[in-house]
C-alpha cells in the first residue's frame, strides 16, 4: 500500500541529508519534508538533494513549508501527501531497512489502525541502552508513542481524527491517546535509530527527570503552552 513519509524540520542541517538518503532507498512512495522556518541551511540542503535524487531513480522528495510547530508541520505534510498510510519521522531518526515491509504486513490486519517502532540511540553507552529500554517498555505498557518512534497511521483514521492537535508540546502523546480509541495499535519490535543529542545537552539523568516532570504536569492538566515555555527555558539555560 502507498506510504508517505513526512519529516518535520527546524534547523536540522546536521542530520537531514543522512535521513533522506537512508529513507529514500527503502521503497516508500514519497518523502515530504515540511520545514518550519529554519534559520540554517536545511531548506537549501533538502532542495539540493531533491534535484540530485531525481536522475538516480530514488523516491521523489518534496519540500513544503508550514508555520513553525511540529504538529502544524506534520498536519501540512499529511494534507499534501498522497499515501494511504502516513509515517511521521523525525529528521534525526533512521528507519530499519525493512520498515515498509513490516508496516505492510502489520496493516494487512484491518483491525490495526496504526503503530510505531521500538527505538534505540546512535550513542553506544549504558545510558543509551537504559533509556531506550525504558522508552520501549513504557510505550508497550501504556500504548502511547512518542514522536521519535516513527508513528504510522492509516490515512482515513488520521483524517477522521483531524490530525495532530495544535499543541507546542505533547502532540505525539495526545495523538496516541486518541488513536487508541479508533482501534488496535501495535509496537513493532524492529528499531528506529535516533540521535542521543537531546539527552547529552543536560546529561541523561537530568533529562530523564525533566521528561518525567513534563509528562506528569501534562497528565495533571497543565497547559502545554506553559510546558513548552518551561522546556524552552530549561534548554536555553543548559546551552549557556
Protein backbone atom coordinates (compact mmCIF):
# COMPACT_ATOMS: atom_id res chain seq x y z
CA UNK A 1 0.00 0.00 0.00
CA UNK A 2 1.27 3.53 -0.74
CA UNK A 3 3.08 5.06 2.23
CA UNK A 4 4.03 8.73 2.56
CA UNK A 5 6.91 9.61 4.88
CA UNK A 6 6.51 13.05 6.47
CA UNK A 7 9.55 14.69 8.07
CA UNK A 8 9.11 17.96 10.02
CA UNK A 9 12.28 20.04 10.19
CA UNK A 10 13.60 23.08 12.01
CA UNK A 11 17.33 23.78 11.80
CA UNK A 12 18.26 20.18 11.00
CA UNK A 13 21.18 20.79 8.64
CA UNK A 14 23.37 18.32 10.54
CA UNK A 15 21.08 15.34 10.11
CA UNK A 16 18.54 15.82 7.32
CA UNK A 17 20.63 14.61 4.37
CA UNK A 18 21.63 11.37 6.09
CA UNK A 19 17.99 10.74 6.97
CA UNK A 20 16.78 11.48 3.44
CA UNK A 21 19.48 9.38 1.81
CA UNK A 22 18.66 6.42 4.01
CA UNK A 23 14.88 6.71 3.77
CA UNK A 24 14.83 7.26 0.00
CA UNK A 25 16.25 3.80 -0.55
CA UNK A 26 13.61 1.95 1.49
CA UNK A 27 10.87 1.81 -1.13
CA UNK A 28 8.39 4.33 0.27
CA UNK A 29 6.19 6.09 -2.25
CA UNK A 30 7.04 9.67 -1.34
CA UNK A 31 9.11 11.67 1.12
CA UNK A 32 7.78 15.03 2.25
CA UNK A 33 9.97 17.42 4.22
CA UNK A 34 7.96 20.13 5.99
CA UNK A 35 10.17 22.99 7.10
CA UNK A 36 9.02 25.28 9.87
CA UNK A 37 11.22 28.27 9.03
CA UNK A 38 14.76 27.00 9.54
CA UNK A 39 17.42 29.67 10.02
CA UNK A 40 20.17 27.33 8.84
CA UNK A 41 20.78 25.53 5.53
CA UNK A 42 18.10 22.87 5.97
CA UNK A 43 15.79 24.02 3.12
CA UNK A 44 18.69 24.54 0.71
CA UNK A 45 20.13 21.11 1.51
CA UNK A 46 16.76 19.42 1.01
CA UNK A 47 16.21 21.19 -2.31
CA UNK A 48 19.69 20.28 -3.49
CA UNK A 49 19.11 16.67 -2.51
CA UNK A 50 15.72 16.66 -4.24
CA UNK A 51 17.25 17.80 -7.52
CA UNK A 52 20.18 15.40 -7.33
CA UNK A 53 17.99 12.43 -6.39
CA UNK A 54 15.65 12.74 -9.38
CA UNK A 55 18.02 11.31 -12.03
CA UNK A 56 19.12 8.48 -9.73
CA UNK A 57 15.71 6.84 -9.62
CA UNK A 58 15.30 7.30 -5.86
CA UNK A 59 11.91 8.05 -4.41
CA UNK A 60 10.76 11.64 -5.01
CA UNK A 61 11.36 14.19 -2.28
CA UNK A 62 9.08 17.19 -1.79
CA UNK A 63 9.87 20.28 0.24
CA UNK A 64 6.98 22.30 1.65
CA UNK A 65 6.77 24.94 4.34
CA UNK A 66 4.41 25.44 7.25
CA UNK A 67 4.13 27.63 10.34
CA UNK A 68 6.63 26.55 12.98
CA UNK A 69 5.40 23.82 15.29
CA UNK A 70 5.80 20.08 14.86
CA UNK A 71 2.04 19.42 14.95
CA UNK A 72 1.34 22.10 12.34
CA UNK A 73 4.15 20.89 10.13
CA UNK A 74 3.06 17.25 10.29
CA UNK A 75 -0.54 18.22 9.53
CA UNK A 76 0.59 20.20 6.50
CA UNK A 77 2.65 17.27 5.27
CA UNK A 78 -0.35 14.98 5.64
CA UNK A 79 -2.53 17.48 3.77
CA UNK A 80 -0.32 17.48 0.65
CA UNK A 81 0.58 13.78 0.77
CA UNK A 82 -0.84 11.05 -1.46
CA UNK A 83 -0.27 7.88 0.54
CA UNK A 84 -2.88 5.63 2.11
CA UNK A 85 -0.59 5.37 5.13
CA UNK A 86 1.21 8.27 6.81
CA UNK A 87 4.55 7.73 8.54
CA UNK A 88 5.87 10.59 10.67
CA UNK A 89 9.65 10.59 11.00
CA UNK A 90 11.97 12.90 12.92
CA UNK A 91 14.84 14.41 10.97
CA UNK A 92 17.45 12.79 13.22
CA UNK A 93 15.93 9.30 13.07
CA UNK A 94 16.56 6.42 10.67
CA UNK A 95 14.14 3.60 9.97
CA UNK A 96 15.06 -0.09 9.84
CA UNK A 97 15.78 -1.34 6.33
CA UNK A 98 12.62 -3.46 6.18
CA UNK A 99 10.33 -0.78 7.62
CA UNK A 100 7.97 -0.66 4.64
CA UNK A 101 7.53 -4.43 4.54
CA UNK A 102 6.82 -4.51 8.27
CA UNK A 103 4.22 -1.77 8.01
CA UNK A 104 2.57 -3.51 5.06
CA UNK A 105 2.38 -6.78 6.99
CA UNK A 106 1.08 -5.07 10.12
CA UNK A 107 -1.66 -3.14 8.34
CA UNK A 108 -2.80 -6.20 6.40
CA UNK A 109 -4.77 -6.79 9.60
CA UNK A 110 -7.68 -4.40 9.11
CA UNK A 111 -8.24 -4.16 12.86
CA UNK A 112 -4.95 -2.29 13.29
CA UNK A 113 -5.21 1.47 12.72
CA UNK A 114 -1.58 2.38 13.32
CA UNK A 115 1.58 1.75 15.27
CA UNK A 116 5.19 2.67 15.89
CA UNK A 117 8.66 1.17 16.22
CA UNK A 118 10.88 0.42 19.16
CA UNK A 119 13.75 2.88 19.49
CA UNK A 120 17.48 2.77 20.09
CA UNK A 121 20.08 5.52 20.17
CA UNK A 122 23.08 6.19 17.99
CA UNK A 123 25.13 6.56 21.18
CA UNK A 124 26.90 3.37 22.34
CA UNK A 125 26.62 3.80 26.09
CA UNK A 126 24.93 2.23 29.07
CA UNK A 127 22.73 5.32 29.38
CA UNK A 128 21.58 4.99 25.79
CA UNK A 129 20.66 1.36 26.38
CA UNK A 130 18.84 2.08 29.65
CA UNK A 131 16.83 5.00 28.27
CA UNK A 132 15.81 3.23 25.06
CA UNK A 133 14.65 0.17 27.01
CA UNK A 134 12.65 2.38 29.36
CA UNK A 135 11.03 4.13 26.40
CA UNK A 136 10.13 0.85 24.70
CA UNK A 137 8.71 -0.71 27.86
CA UNK A 138 6.73 2.44 28.62
CA UNK A 139 5.18 2.62 25.15
CA UNK A 140 4.19 -1.05 25.24
CA UNK A 141 2.64 -0.80 28.69
CA UNK A 142 0.83 2.49 28.04
CA UNK A 143 0.02 2.09 24.36
CA UNK A 144 1.42 5.58 23.78
CA UNK A 145 4.06 6.55 21.25
CA UNK A 146 6.49 9.46 21.26
CA UNK A 147 7.49 11.17 18.03
CA UNK A 148 10.95 9.66 17.83
CA UNK A 149 9.38 6.18 17.49
CA UNK A 150 8.17 6.87 13.92
CA UNK A 151 4.41 6.73 14.30
CA UNK A 152 2.41 5.41 11.32
CA UNK A 153 -1.35 5.59 10.81
CA UNK A 154 -3.93 4.83 8.15
CA UNK A 155 -4.85 7.99 6.30
CA UNK A 156 -8.66 7.70 6.75
CA UNK A 157 -8.15 7.33 10.51
CA UNK A 158 -5.81 10.34 10.61
CA UNK A 159 -8.38 12.43 8.76
CA UNK A 160 -11.23 11.26 10.99
CA UNK A 161 -9.16 12.38 13.98
CA UNK A 162 -8.50 15.78 12.48
CA UNK A 163 -4.75 15.22 12.56
CA UNK A 164 -2.48 16.34 15.37
CA UNK A 165 -3.81 18.82 17.90
CA UNK A 166 -2.20 22.25 17.52
CA UNK A 167 -0.02 21.93 20.62
CA UNK A 168 3.59 23.10 21.08
CA UNK A 169 4.44 20.04 23.17
CA UNK A 170 2.99 16.56 23.85
CA UNK A 171 1.24 16.44 20.48
CA UNK A 172 2.53 12.89 20.00
CA UNK A 173 1.16 11.66 23.33
CA UNK A 174 -2.17 13.37 22.76
CA UNK A 175 -2.47 11.86 19.28
CA UNK A 176 -1.61 8.38 20.56
CA UNK A 177 -4.33 8.60 23.20
CA UNK A 178 -6.94 9.41 20.58
CA UNK A 179 -5.58 6.85 18.12
CA UNK A 180 -6.11 4.07 20.65
CA UNK A 181 -9.81 4.89 20.71
CA UNK A 182 -10.04 4.28 16.95
CA UNK A 183 -8.88 0.69 17.01
CA UNK A 184 -5.93 -1.57 17.74
CA UNK A 185 -2.40 -0.19 17.66
CA UNK A 186 0.87 -2.06 17.77
CA UNK A 187 4.51 -1.51 18.72
CA UNK A 188 6.85 -3.16 16.23
CA UNK A 189 9.92 -4.86 17.68
CA UNK A 190 12.12 -3.56 14.87
CA UNK A 191 14.01 -0.46 15.97
CA UNK A 192 14.48 3.00 14.60
CA UNK A 193 17.82 4.62 15.39
CA UNK A 194 17.60 8.15 16.72
CA UNK A 195 20.05 10.80 17.88
CA UNK A 196 21.15 10.94 21.51
CA UNK A 197 21.84 14.69 21.28
CA UNK A 198 18.78 15.78 23.31
CA UNK A 199 19.95 13.63 26.22
CA UNK A 200 23.53 14.89 26.08
CA UNK A 201 22.68 18.58 26.44
CA UNK A 202 21.86 18.39 30.16
CA UNK A 203 23.05 14.89 30.86
CA UNK A 204 20.94 11.71 30.72
CA UNK A 205 19.71 11.65 34.33
CA UNK A 206 18.62 15.28 34.43
CA UNK A 207 16.90 14.89 31.06
CA UNK A 208 15.01 11.80 32.27
CA UNK A 209 13.78 13.74 35.30
CA UNK A 210 12.79 16.66 33.07
CA UNK A 211 10.82 14.40 30.71
CA UNK A 212 9.04 12.73 33.63
CA UNK A 213 8.19 16.10 35.15
CA UNK A 214 6.80 17.43 31.86
CA UNK A 215 4.64 14.36 31.32
CA UNK A 216 3.37 14.39 34.90
CA UNK A 217 2.41 18.05 34.60
CA UNK A 218 0.68 17.33 31.30
CA UNK A 219 -1.31 14.45 32.79
CA UNK A 220 -2.50 16.62 35.68
CA UNK A 221 -3.74 19.28 33.28
CA UNK A 222 -1.03 21.93 32.93
CA UNK A 223 -1.42 23.85 29.65
CA UNK A 224 1.03 22.50 27.01
CA UNK A 225 1.92 26.11 26.09
CA UNK A 226 3.19 26.67 29.64
CA UNK A 227 5.07 23.38 29.49
CA UNK A 228 6.69 24.43 26.21
CA UNK A 229 7.82 27.73 27.74
CA UNK A 230 9.31 25.90 30.69
CA UNK A 231 11.03 23.33 28.45
CA UNK A 232 12.50 26.04 26.22
CA UNK A 233 13.80 27.99 29.21
CA UNK A 234 15.49 24.90 30.65
CA UNK A 235 17.15 24.05 27.32
CA UNK A 236 18.36 27.61 26.79
CA UNK A 237 19.85 27.66 30.27
CA UNK A 238 21.64 24.37 29.57
CA UNK A 239 23.12 25.82 26.38
CA UNK A 240 24.51 28.67 28.44
